[in-house]
């Protein structure tokens, strides 16, 4: 099974946060993602690991 790549809308939906919050966290380096040209891309697996590790609660404060 391959590593799914998500756009900002899909990643925000997965994390149950707004797209604005997702972009802010990504730009601050608090969320695992990569900028490709002008757009952000996120690994589904990396986002799930980020959630499970508890970093989500620590980084949003």
C-alpha atoms as a PDB file:
ATOM      1  CA  UNK A   1       0.000   0.000   0.000  1.00  0.00           C
ATOM      2  CA  UNK A   2       1.498   3.334  -1.063  1.00  0.00           C
ATOM      3  CA  UNK A   3       1.834   6.457   0.993  1.00  0.00           C
ATOM      4  CA  UNK A   4      -1.144   8.669   0.184  1.00  0.00           C
ATOM      5  CA  UNK A   5      -0.320  12.289  -0.573  1.00  0.00           C
ATOM      6  CA  UNK A   6      -2.945  14.795   0.530  1.00  0.00           C
ATOM      7  CA  UNK A   7      -3.600  18.380  -0.457  1.00  0.00           C
ATOM      8  CA  UNK A   8      -4.473  21.044   2.118  1.00  0.00           C
ATOM      9  CA  UNK A   9      -8.220  20.401   2.044  1.00  0.00           C
ATOM     10  CA  UNK A  10      -7.812  16.642   2.485  1.00  0.00           C
ATOM     11  CA  UNK A  11      -5.233  17.061   5.250  1.00  0.00           C
ATOM     12  CA  UNK A  12      -7.409  19.583   7.110  1.00  0.00           C
ATOM     13  CA  UNK A  13     -10.364  17.207   6.886  1.00  0.00           C
ATOM     14  CA  UNK A  14      -8.252  14.303   8.181  1.00  0.00           C
ATOM     15  CA  UNK A  15      -7.030  16.377  11.143  1.00  0.00           C
ATOM     16  CA  UNK A  16     -10.449  17.977  11.725  1.00  0.00           C
ATOM     17  CA  UNK A  17      -9.013  21.483  11.646  1.00  0.00           C
ATOM     18  CA  UNK A  18      -9.552  24.433   9.349  1.00  0.00           C
ATOM     19  CA  UNK A  19      -7.441  24.870   6.242  1.00  0.00           C
ATOM     20  CA  UNK A  20      -6.159  28.174   7.670  1.00  0.00           C
ATOM     21  CA  UNK A  21      -4.939  26.437  10.841  1.00  0.00           C
ATOM     22  CA  UNK A  22      -3.352  23.663   8.786  1.00  0.00           C
ATOM     23  CA  UNK A  23      -1.442  26.177   6.661  1.00  0.00           C
ATOM     24  CA  UNK A  24      -0.312  28.107   9.730  1.00  0.00           C
ATOM     25  CA  UNK A  25       1.033  24.950  11.393  1.00  0.00           C
ATOM     26  CA  UNK A  26       2.763  23.866   8.178  1.00  0.00           C
ATOM     27  CA  UNK A  27       4.363  27.276   7.616  1.00  0.00           C
ATOM     28  CA  UNK A  28       5.621  27.309  11.213  1.00  0.00           C
ATOM     29  CA  UNK A  29       7.172  23.862  10.742  1.00  0.00           C
ATOM     30  CA  UNK A  30       4.903  22.326  13.370  1.00  0.00           C
ATOM     31  CA  UNK A  31       3.187  19.948  10.962  1.00  0.00           C
ATOM     32  CA  UNK A  32       4.909  17.389   8.723  1.00  0.00           C
ATOM     33  CA  UNK A  33       4.411  18.587   5.181  1.00  0.00           C
ATOM     34  CA  UNK A  34       6.257  19.714   2.103  1.00  0.00           C
ATOM     35  CA  UNK A  35       5.762  22.697  -0.132  1.00  0.00           C
ATOM     36  CA  UNK A  36       5.712  21.753  -3.807  1.00  0.00           C
ATOM     37  CA  UNK A  37       5.851  24.922  -5.850  1.00  0.00           C
ATOM     38  CA  UNK A  38       3.188  27.130  -4.285  1.00  0.00           C
ATOM     39  CA  UNK A  39       1.146  24.279  -2.826  1.00  0.00           C
ATOM     40  CA  UNK A  40       1.526  22.203   0.323  1.00  0.00           C
ATOM     41  CA  UNK A  41       1.394  18.405   0.248  1.00  0.00           C
ATOM     42  CA  UNK A  42       1.084  16.070   3.213  1.00  0.00           C
ATOM     43  CA  UNK A  43       1.684  12.370   3.754  1.00  0.00           C
ATOM     44  CA  UNK A  44      -1.386  10.675   5.269  1.00  0.00           C
ATOM     45  CA  UNK A  45       0.908   8.314   7.188  1.00  0.00           C
ATOM     46  CA  UNK A  46       3.030  11.180   8.586  1.00  0.00           C
ATOM     47  CA  UNK A  47      -0.068  13.113   9.686  1.00  0.00           C
ATOM     48  CA  UNK A  48      -1.509  10.074  11.460  1.00  0.00           C
ATOM     49  CA  UNK A  49       1.820   9.469  13.232  1.00  0.00           C
ATOM     50  CA  UNK A  50       1.910  13.166  14.179  1.00  0.00           C
ATOM     51  CA  UNK A  51      -1.559  12.862  15.724  1.00  0.00           C
ATOM     52  CA  UNK A  52      -0.733   9.630  17.555  1.00  0.00           C
ATOM     53  CA  UNK A  53       2.516  11.008  18.960  1.00  0.00           C
ATOM     54  CA  UNK A  54       0.668  13.734  20.840  1.00  0.00           C
ATOM     55  CA  UNK A  55       2.511  16.492  18.982  1.00  0.00           C
ATOM     56  CA  UNK A  56      -0.792  17.842  17.717  1.00  0.00           C
ATOM     57  CA  UNK A  57      -1.880  18.987  21.183  1.00  0.00           C
ATOM     58  CA  UNK A  58       1.569  20.277  22.109  1.00  0.00           C
ATOM     59  CA  UNK A  59       2.088  22.292  18.919  1.00  0.00           C
ATOM     60  CA  UNK A  60      -1.299  24.018  18.808  1.00  0.00           C
ATOM     61  CA  UNK A  61      -0.731  25.724  22.179  1.00  0.00           C
END
